[in-house]
PDB file of N, CA and C in Angstrom:
ATOM      1  N   MET A   1     -62.785 146.093  51.987  1.00  0.00           N
ATOM      2  CA  MET A   1     -62.249 145.045  50.942  1.00  0.00           C
ATOM      3  C   MET A   1     -61.413 145.398  50.754  1.00  0.00           C
ATOM      4  N   LEU A   2     -60.930 146.812  50.351  1.00  0.00           N
ATOM      5  CA  LEU A   2     -59.204 147.313  50.051  1.00  0.00           C
ATOM      6  C   LEU A   2     -59.129 147.210  51.485  1.00  0.00           C
ATOM      7  N   GLY A   3     -59.655 147.918  52.655  1.00  0.00           N
ATOM      8  CA  GLY A   3     -59.219 147.368  53.826  1.00  0.00           C
ATOM      9  C   GLY A   3     -58.033 146.236  53.643  1.00  0.00           C
ATOM     10  N   LEU A   4     -58.420 145.145  53.737  1.00  0.00           N
ATOM     11  CA  LEU A   4     -58.135 144.090  53.694  1.00  0.00           C
ATOM     12  C   LEU A   4     -56.870 144.141  52.954  1.00  0.00           C
ATOM     13  N   LEU A   5     -56.723 143.966  51.937  1.00  0.00           N
ATOM     14  CA  LEU A   5     -55.033 144.462  50.920  1.00  0.00           C
ATOM     15  C   LEU A   5     -54.757 145.408  51.628  1.00  0.00           C
ATOM     16  N   ILE A   6     -55.358 146.075  51.700  1.00  0.00           N
ATOM     17  CA  ILE A   6     -53.770 147.228  51.586  1.00  0.00           C
ATOM     18  C   ILE A   6     -54.158 146.951  53.904  1.00  0.00           C
ATOM     19  N   GLY A   7     -54.285 146.095  55.004  1.00  0.00           N
ATOM     20  CA  GLY A   7     -53.355 145.218  55.566  1.00  0.00           C
ATOM     21  C   GLY A   7     -52.085 144.403  55.724  1.00  0.00           C
ATOM     22  N   ALA A   8     -52.960 143.193  54.305  1.00  0.00           N
ATOM     23  CA  ALA A   8     -51.763 142.462  54.214  1.00  0.00           C
ATOM     24  C   ALA A   8     -50.756 142.853  53.241  1.00  0.00           C
ATOM     25  N   ALA A   9     -50.256 143.806  52.392  1.00  0.00           N
ATOM     26  CA  ALA A   9     -50.276 144.634  51.865  1.00  0.00           C
ATOM     27  C   ALA A   9     -48.439 145.064  52.606  1.00  0.00           C
ATOM     28  N   VAL A  10     -49.515 145.935  53.892  1.00  0.00           N
ATOM     29  CA  VAL A  10     -48.560 146.051  54.403  1.00  0.00           C
ATOM     30  C   VAL A  10     -47.822 145.821  55.674  1.00  0.00           C
ATOM     31  N   LEU A  11     -48.586 144.410  56.287  1.00  0.00           N
ATOM     32  CA  LEU A  11     -48.622 143.105  57.096  1.00  0.00           C
ATOM     33  C   LEU A  11     -46.850 142.709  55.977  1.00  0.00           C
ATOM     34  N   GLY A  12     -46.954 142.268  54.581  1.00  0.00           N
ATOM     35  CA  GLY A  12     -45.785 141.992  54.078  1.00  0.00           C
ATOM     36  C   GLY A  12     -44.429 142.690  53.772  1.00  0.00           C
ATOM     37  N   ALA A  13     -45.060 143.668  53.979  1.00  0.00           N
ATOM     38  CA  ALA A  13     -44.130 145.429  53.344  1.00  0.00           C
ATOM     39  C   ALA A  13     -43.268 145.324  54.147  1.00  0.00           C
ATOM     40  N   GLY A  14     -43.616 145.896  55.874  1.00  0.00           N
ATOM     41  CA  GLY A  14     -43.220 145.474  57.326  1.00  0.00           C
ATOM     42  C   GLY A  14     -41.955 144.628  57.587  1.00  0.00           C
ATOM     43  N   PHE A  15     -43.077 143.357  57.396  1.00  0.00           N
ATOM     44  CA  PHE A  15     -41.543 141.638  57.387  1.00  0.00           C
ATOM     45  C   PHE A  15     -40.476 141.803  56.391  1.00  0.00           C
ATOM     46  N   VAL A  16     -40.921 141.542  55.197  1.00  0.00           N
ATOM     47  CA  VAL A  16     -39.548 142.216  53.826  1.00  0.00           C
ATOM     48  C   VAL A  16     -38.754 143.221  54.752  1.00  0.00           C
ATOM     49  N   ALA A  17     -39.168 144.103  54.945  1.00  0.00           N
ATOM     50  CA  ALA A  17     -38.099 145.192  55.037  1.00  0.00           C
ATOM     51  C   ALA A  17     -37.815 145.192  56.344  1.00  0.00           C
ATOM     52  N   THR A  18     -38.466 144.931  57.057  1.00  0.00           N
ATOM     53  CA  THR A  18     -37.578 143.802  58.495  1.00  0.00           C
ATOM     54  C   THR A  18     -36.124 143.182  59.161  1.00  0.00           C
ATOM     55  N   ARG A  19     -36.954 142.355  57.985  1.00  0.00           N
ATOM     56  CA  ARG A  19     -36.327 140.923  57.761  1.00  0.00           C
ATOM     57  C   ARG A  19     -34.847 141.273  57.281  1.00  0.00           C
ATOM     58  N   ASN A  20     -34.740 142.203  55.888  1.00  0.00           N
ATOM     59  CA  ASN A  20     -33.985 142.161  55.615  1.00  0.00           C
ATOM     60  C   ASN A  20     -32.373 143.260  55.943  1.00  0.00           C
ATOM     61  N   PHE A  21     -33.577 144.365  57.053  1.00  0.00           N
ATOM     62  CA  PHE A  21     -32.772 145.195  57.706  1.00  0.00           C
ATOM     63  C   PHE A  21     -32.089 144.403  58.762  1.00  0.00           C
ATOM     64  N   VAL A  22     -32.882 143.717  59.309  1.00  0.00           N
ATOM     65  CA  VAL A  22     -31.894 142.693  61.161  1.00  0.00           C
ATOM     66  C   VAL A  22     -30.739 142.341  60.372  1.00  0.00           C
ATOM     67  N   ARG A  23     -30.649 141.283  59.296  1.00  0.00           N
ATOM     68  CA  ARG A  23     -29.978 140.579  58.158  1.00  0.00           C
ATOM     69  C   ARG A  23     -28.846 141.858  57.912  1.00  0.00           C
ATOM     70  N   THR A  24     -28.930 142.414  57.497  1.00  0.00           N
ATOM     71  CA  THR A  24     -28.193 143.709  56.925  1.00  0.00           C
ATOM     72  C   THR A  24     -26.982 144.787  57.867  1.00  0.00           C
ATOM     73  N   ARG A  25     -28.045 145.332  58.019  1.00  0.00           N
ATOM     74  CA  ARG A  25     -27.578 146.335  59.587  1.00  0.00           C
ATOM     75  C   ARG A  25     -26.748 146.328  60.410  1.00  0.00           C
ATOM     76  N   LEU A  26     -27.836 145.214  61.006  1.00  0.00           N
ATOM     77  CA  LEU A  26     -28.379 145.079  62.551  1.00  0.00           C
ATOM     78  C   LEU A  26     -27.629 143.308  62.893  1.00  0.00           C
ATOM     79  N   ARG A  27     -26.550 142.952  62.377  1.00  0.00           N
ATOM     80  CA  ARG A  27     -26.505 141.714  62.085  1.00  0.00           C
ATOM     81  C   ARG A  27     -25.367 141.464  63.499  1.00  0.00           C
ATOM     82  N   PHE A  28     -24.755 142.163  63.734  1.00  0.00           N
ATOM     83  CA  PHE A  28     -23.923 142.596  65.367  1.00  0.00           C
ATOM     84  C   PHE A  28     -23.963 143.566  66.026  1.00  0.00           C
ATOM     85  N   VAL A  29     -25.884 143.253  66.246  1.00  0.00           N
ATOM     86  CA  VAL A  29     -26.739 144.266  67.212  1.00  0.00           C
ATOM     87  C   VAL A  29     -25.544 143.103  68.162  1.00  0.00           C
ATOM     88  N   ASP A  30     -25.499 143.623  69.340  1.00  0.00           N
ATOM     89  CA  ASP A  30     -26.238 142.254  69.931  1.00  0.00           C
ATOM     90  C   ASP A  30     -27.421 142.326  71.079  1.00  0.00           C
ATOM     91  N   ALA A  31     -28.427 143.324  71.018  1.00  0.00           N
ATOM     92  CA  ALA A  31     -29.251 143.707  71.048  1.00  0.00           C
ATOM     93  C   ALA A  31     -30.210 143.240  70.162  1.00  0.00           C
ATOM     94  N   VAL A  32     -30.008 142.664  69.655  1.00  0.00           N
ATOM     95  CA  VAL A  32     -31.535 142.141  68.901  1.00  0.00           C
ATOM     96  C   VAL A  32     -31.519 141.280  68.844  1.00  0.00           C
ATOM     97  N   ARG A  33     -30.918 140.750  69.881  1.00  0.00           N
ATOM     98  CA  ARG A  33     -30.139 138.741  69.080  1.00  0.00           C
ATOM     99  C   ARG A  33     -31.975 138.902  71.175  1.00  0.00           C
ATOM    100  N   ARG A  34     -31.545 139.488  71.474  1.00  0.00           N
ATOM    101  CA  ARG A  34     -32.420 139.817  72.977  1.00  0.00           C
ATOM    102  C   ARG A  34     -34.518 138.738  72.546  1.00  0.00           C
ATOM    103  N   PRO A  35     -34.489 138.054  73.601  1.00  0.00           N
ATOM    104  CA  PRO A  35     -36.412 137.434  73.416  1.00  0.00           C
ATOM    105  C   PRO A  35     -37.216 138.846  73.459  1.00  0.00           C
ATOM    106  N   ALA A  36     -37.138 139.738  73.480  1.00  0.00           N
ATOM    107  CA  ALA A  36     -37.704 140.541  73.591  1.00  0.00           C
ATOM    108  C   ALA A  36     -37.747 141.785  72.683  1.00  0.00           C
ATOM    109  N   ALA A  37     -36.656 141.399  71.699  1.00  0.00           N
ATOM    110  CA  ALA A  37     -36.101 142.327  70.107  1.00  0.00           C
ATOM    111  C   ALA A  37     -37.609 142.283  69.748  1.00  0.00           C
ATOM    112  N   PRO A  38     -37.520 141.789  68.886  1.00  0.00           N
ATOM    113  CA  PRO A  38     -39.335 141.518  67.863  1.00  0.00           C
ATOM    114  C   PRO A  38     -40.457 142.280  69.022  1.00  0.00           C
ATOM    115  N   VAL A  39     -40.362 141.621  69.664  1.00  0.00           N
ATOM    116  CA  VAL A  39     -42.125 142.709  70.350  1.00  0.00           C
ATOM    117  C   VAL A  39     -42.208 144.330  70.870  1.00  0.00           C
ATOM    118  N   VAL A  40     -40.738 144.110  71.184  1.00  0.00           N
ATOM    119  CA  VAL A  40     -41.039 145.661  71.516  1.00  0.00           C
ATOM    120  C   VAL A  40     -40.471 146.459  70.306  1.00  0.00           C
ATOM    121  N   ALA A  41     -40.093 145.597  69.084  1.00  0.00           N
ATOM    122  CA  ALA A  41     -39.982 146.756  67.740  1.00  0.00           C
ATOM    123  C   ALA A  41     -41.024 146.199  67.178  1.00  0.00           C
ATOM    124  N   GLY A  42     -41.913 146.133  66.800  1.00  0.00           N
ATOM    125  CA  GLY A  42     -43.403 145.611  66.732  1.00  0.00           C
ATOM    126  C   GLY A  42     -44.090 146.770  67.995  1.00  0.00           C
ATOM    127  N   VAL A  43     -44.949 146.533  68.650  1.00  0.00           N
ATOM    128  CA  VAL A  43     -45.018 147.598  69.863  1.00  0.00           C
ATOM    129  C   VAL A  43     -44.472 148.740  69.332  1.00  0.00           C
ATOM    130  N   ALA A  44     -43.623 149.363  69.048  1.00  0.00           N
ATOM    131  CA  ALA A  44     -43.040 150.341  68.326  1.00  0.00           C
ATOM    132  C   ALA A  44     -44.065 151.386  66.786  1.00  0.00           C
ATOM    133  N   ALA A  45     -43.426 149.843  66.325  1.00  0.00           N
ATOM    134  CA  ALA A  45     -43.662 150.432  64.721  1.00  0.00           C
ATOM    135  C   ALA A  45     -44.821 150.903  64.875  1.00  0.00           C
ATOM    136  N   ALA A  46     -45.950 149.209  65.697  1.00  0.00           N
ATOM    137  CA  ALA A  46     -47.733 149.834  66.151  1.00  0.00           C
ATOM    138  C   ALA A  46     -47.278 151.804  66.198  1.00  0.00           C
ATOM    139  N   LEU A  47     -46.733 151.661  66.979  1.00  0.00           N
ATOM    140  CA  LEU A  47     -47.531 153.396  67.823  1.00  0.00           C
ATOM    141  C   LEU A  47     -47.530 154.103  66.804  1.00  0.00           C
ATOM    142  N   ALA A  48     -45.954 154.108  66.153  1.00  0.00           N
ATOM    143  CA  ALA A  48     -45.356 154.679  65.213  1.00  0.00           C
ATOM    144  C   ALA A  48     -47.003 154.744  64.120  1.00  0.00           C
ATOM    145  N   ALA A  49     -47.080 153.604  63.296  1.00  0.00           N
ATOM    146  CA  ALA A  49     -48.537 153.619  62.608  1.00  0.00           C
ATOM    147  C   ALA A  49     -49.625 154.155  62.087  1.00  0.00           C
ATOM    148  N   SER A  50     -49.558 154.087  63.886  1.00  0.00           N
ATOM    149  CA  SER A  50     -51.101 154.479  64.519  1.00  0.00           C
ATOM    150  C   SER A  50     -51.288 156.580  64.893  1.00  0.00           C
ATOM    151  N   VAL A  51     -49.956 156.826  64.767  1.00  0.00           N
ATOM    152  CA  VAL A  51     -49.620 158.010  64.522  1.00  0.00           C
ATOM    153  C   VAL A  51     -50.364 158.150  63.426  1.00  0.00           C
ATOM    154  N   VAL A  52     -50.125 157.526  61.744  1.00  0.00           N
ATOM    155  CA  VAL A  52     -50.352 158.065  60.174  1.00  0.00           C
ATOM    156  C   VAL A  52     -51.504 157.379  60.615  1.00  0.00           C
ATOM    157  N   ALA A  53     -52.508 157.030  60.761  1.00  0.00           N
ATOM    158  CA  ALA A  53     -53.266 155.903  60.930  1.00  0.00           C
ATOM    159  C   ALA A  53     -54.639 156.942  61.024  1.00  0.00           C
ATOM    160  N   LEU A  54     -54.259 156.966  62.004  1.00  0.00           N
ATOM    161  CA  LEU A  54     -55.681 158.057  62.410  1.00  0.00           C
ATOM    162  C   LEU A  54     -55.682 159.130  61.911  1.00  0.00           C
ATOM    163  N   PRO A  55     -55.227 160.358  61.796  1.00  0.00           N
ATOM    164  CA  PRO A  55     -55.517 160.772  60.054  1.00  0.00           C
ATOM    165  C   PRO A  55     -55.839 160.792  59.689  1.00  0.00           C
ATOM    166  N   LEU A  56     -55.287 159.919  58.891  1.00  0.00           N
ATOM    167  CA  LEU A  56     -56.108 159.494  57.418  1.00  0.00           C
ATOM    168  C   LEU A  56     -56.518 158.356  56.886  1.00  0.00           C
ATOM    169  N   GLY A  57     -57.520 158.021  58.314  1.00  0.00           N
ATOM    170  CA  GLY A  57     -58.685 157.384  58.582  1.00  0.00           C
ATOM    171  C   GLY A  57     -60.282 157.571  57.878  1.00  0.00           C
ATOM    172  N   ALA A  58     -59.729 159.203  57.707  1.00  0.00           N
ATOM    173  CA  ALA A  58     -61.171 159.747  57.022  1.00  0.00           C
ATOM    174  C   ALA A  58     -61.183 159.378  55.280  1.00  0.00           C
ATOM    175  N   VAL A  59     -59.799 159.099  54.940  1.00  0.00           N
ATOM    176  CA  VAL A  59     -59.723 159.400  53.918  1.00  0.00           C
ATOM    177  C   VAL A  59     -59.364 158.770  53.188  1.00  0.00           C
ATOM    178  N   LEU A  60     -58.846 157.936  53.659  1.00  0.00           N
ATOM    179  CA  LEU A  60     -58.577 156.115  53.311  1.00  0.00           C
ATOM    180  C   LEU A  60     -58.505 155.152  54.093  1.00  0.00           C
ATOM    181  N   PRO A  61     -59.039 153.354  54.000  1.00  0.00           N
ATOM    182  CA  PRO A  61     -59.396 152.865  54.500  1.00  0.00           C
ATOM    183  C   PRO A  61     -57.565 152.401  55.451  1.00  0.00           C
ATOM    184  N   VAL A  62     -57.418 152.863  55.930  1.00  0.00           N
ATOM    185  CA  VAL A  62     -56.474 153.108  56.962  1.00  0.00           C
ATOM    186  C   VAL A  62     -56.340 152.947  58.484  1.00  0.00           C
ATOM    187  N   THR A  63     -57.105 151.816  59.087  1.00  0.00           N
ATOM    188  CA  THR A  63     -57.063 151.968  60.492  1.00  0.00           C
ATOM    189  C   THR A  63     -56.176 151.802  61.689  1.00  0.00           C
ATOM    190  N   VAL A  64     -56.537 151.455  62.780  1.00  0.00           N
ATOM    191  CA  VAL A  64     -55.259 150.935  63.522  1.00  0.00           C
ATOM    192  C   VAL A  64     -55.518 149.385  63.445  1.00  0.00           C
ATOM    193  N   TRP A  65     -55.904 148.613  62.734  1.00  0.00           N
ATOM    194  CA  TRP A  65     -55.990 147.541  62.259  1.00  0.00           C
ATOM    195  C   TRP A  65     -55.026 147.439  62.009  1.00  0.00           C
ATOM    196  N   THR A  66     -55.096 148.272  61.162  1.00  0.00           N
ATOM    197  CA  THR A  66     -53.428 148.144  59.679  1.00  0.00           C
ATOM    198  C   THR A  66     -52.594 148.275  60.854  1.00  0.00           C
ATOM    199  N   ALA A  67     -52.575 149.366  61.249  1.00  0.00           N
ATOM    200  CA  ALA A  67     -51.300 149.226  61.878  1.00  0.00           C
ATOM    201  C   ALA A  67     -50.584 148.432  62.759  1.00  0.00           C
ATOM    202  N   ALA A  68     -51.501 147.452  62.814  1.00  0.00           N
ATOM    203  CA  ALA A  68     -51.615 146.531  64.289  1.00  0.00           C
ATOM    204  C   ALA A  68     -50.863 145.596  63.294  1.00  0.00           C
ATOM    205  N   ALA A  69     -51.190 145.688  62.492  1.00  0.00           N
ATOM    206  CA  ALA A  69     -50.992 144.669  60.648  1.00  0.00           C
ATOM    207  C   ALA A  69     -49.152 144.876  60.733  1.00  0.00           C
ATOM    208  N   PHE A  70     -48.759 146.184  60.393  1.00  0.00           N
ATOM    209  CA  PHE A  70     -47.629 147.015  60.906  1.00  0.00           C
ATOM    210  C   PHE A  70     -47.223 145.916  61.643  1.00  0.00           C
ATOM    211  N   GLY A  71     -47.377 146.029  62.483  1.00  0.00           N
ATOM    212  CA  GLY A  71     -46.450 146.094  63.678  1.00  0.00           C
ATOM    213  C   GLY A  71     -46.355 143.882  64.287  1.00  0.00           C
ATOM    214  N   VAL A  72     -47.150 143.798  63.290  1.00  0.00           N
ATOM    215  CA  VAL A  72     -47.048 142.010  63.464  1.00  0.00           C
ATOM    216  C   VAL A  72     -45.633 141.775  62.480  1.00  0.00           C
ATOM    217  N   GLY A  73     -45.953 142.961  62.005  1.00  0.00           N
ATOM    218  CA  GLY A  73     -45.107 142.254  59.669  1.00  0.00           C
ATOM    219  C   GLY A  73     -43.380 142.604  60.750  1.00  0.00           C
ATOM    220  N   VAL A  74     -43.680 143.975  61.550  1.00  0.00           N
ATOM    221  CA  VAL A  74     -41.891 144.474  61.941  1.00  0.00           C
ATOM    222  C   VAL A  74     -41.303 143.119  62.741  1.00  0.00           C
ATOM    223  N   ALA A  75     -42.456 142.786  63.723  1.00  0.00           N
ATOM    224  CA  ALA A  75     -42.500 141.965  64.960  1.00  0.00           C
ATOM    225  C   ALA A  75     -41.351 140.261  63.741  1.00  0.00           C
ATOM    226  N   GLY A  76     -42.436 140.184  63.177  1.00  0.00           N
ATOM    227  CA  GLY A  76     -41.880 138.730  62.387  1.00  0.00           C
ATOM    228  C   GLY A  76     -40.302 138.862  62.086  1.00  0.00           C
ATOM    229  N   GLY A  77     -40.152 140.046  61.320  1.00  0.00           N
ATOM    230  CA  GLY A  77     -39.120 139.884  60.235  1.00  0.00           C
ATOM    231  C   GLY A  77     -38.191 139.772  61.022  1.00  0.00           C
ATOM    232  N   VAL A  78     -38.268 141.128  62.370  1.00  0.00           N
ATOM    233  CA  VAL A  78     -36.784 140.784  62.979  1.00  0.00           C
ATOM    234  C   VAL A  78     -36.797 140.110  63.597  1.00  0.00           C
ATOM    235  N   ALA A  79     -37.804 138.727  64.053  1.00  0.00           N
ATOM    236  CA  ALA A  79     -37.829 137.808  64.288  1.00  0.00           C
ATOM    237  C   ALA A  79     -37.434 136.373  63.668  1.00  0.00           C
ATOM    238  N   SER A  80     -37.612 136.565  62.376  1.00  0.00           N
ATOM    239  CA  SER A  80     -36.791 136.305  61.133  1.00  0.00           C
ATOM    240  C   SER A  80     -35.356 136.261  61.299  1.00  0.00           C
ATOM    241  N   GLY A  81     -35.590 138.148  61.543  1.00  0.00           N
ATOM    242  CA  GLY A  81     -33.822 138.323  60.464  1.00  0.00           C
ATOM    243  C   GLY A  81     -32.680 137.408  61.026  1.00  0.00           C
ATOM    244  N   ARG A  82     -33.209 137.688  62.609  1.00  0.00           N
ATOM    245  CA  ARG A  82     -32.211 137.220  63.525  1.00  0.00           C
ATOM    246  C   ARG A  82     -31.391 135.863  63.412  1.00  0.00           C
ATOM    247  N   ARG A  83     -32.481 134.744  62.781  1.00  0.00           N
ATOM    248  CA  ARG A  83     -32.074 133.860  62.582  1.00  0.00           C
ATOM    249  C   ARG A  83     -31.325 133.775  62.106  1.00  0.00           C
ATOM    250  N   THR A  84     -30.422 134.373  61.232  1.00  0.00           N
ATOM    251  CA  THR A  84     -29.708 133.853  60.136  1.00  0.00           C
ATOM    252  C   THR A  84     -28.654 133.874  61.256  1.00  0.00           C
ATOM    253  N   PRO A  85     -27.137 132.909  60.066  1.00  0.00           N
ATOM    254  CA  PRO A  85     -26.047 132.160  60.960  1.00  0.00           C
ATOM    255  C   PRO A  85     -25.528 133.275  61.241  1.00  0.00           C
ATOM    256  N   GLU A  86     -24.552 133.348  62.465  1.00  0.00           N
ATOM    257  CA  GLU A  86     -23.766 134.765  62.806  1.00  0.00           C
ATOM    258  C   GLU A  86     -22.083 134.037  62.637  1.00  0.00           C
ATOM    259  N   LEU A  87     -21.736 134.752  61.867  1.00  0.00           N
ATOM    260  CA  LEU A  87     -20.434 134.596  61.059  1.00  0.00           C
ATOM    261  C   LEU A  87     -19.414 134.136  62.589  1.00  0.00           C
ATOM    262  N   PRO A  88     -17.599 133.210  62.102  1.00  0.00           N
ATOM    263  CA  PRO A  88     -17.218 132.151  63.486  1.00  0.00           C
ATOM    264  C   PRO A  88     -16.464 133.777  63.869  1.00  0.00           C
ATOM    265  N   PRO A  89     -16.303 133.620  64.968  1.00  0.00           N
ATOM    266  CA  PRO A  89     -15.731 134.498  65.765  1.00  0.00           C
ATOM    267  C   PRO A  89     -14.333 134.893  64.622  1.00  0.00           C
ATOM    268  N   GLY A  90     -13.828 136.011  64.886  1.00  0.00           N
ATOM    269  CA  GLY A  90     -13.087 136.585  64.439  1.00  0.00           C
ATOM    270  C   GLY A  90     -13.020 136.944  63.024  1.00  0.00           C
ATOM    271  N   SER A  91     -14.051 136.791  61.913  1.00  0.00           N
ATOM    272  CA  SER A  91     -13.754 137.544  61.278  1.00  0.00           C
ATOM    273  C   SER A  91     -13.798 138.768  60.474  1.00  0.00           C
TER     274      SER A  91
END
């Protein structure tokens, strides 16, 4: 049960933090508008989180599934953050 709660919290935190980062910092970056951007960001985040999750698996209920939930949250955050309205040309 605790592992499920940690996974849900990690998914939500990854989503919100990534959405805000994409909206504020990456709004002028053209690469974030490509269709593969959420997938690439999600896979990279899941791989980075799994490196952290493997040693902590013996101590905390943090598993590879938690890392995968983080990757899904990041991918959703990128997809949601890039849908913000673009600025008009010349702004």
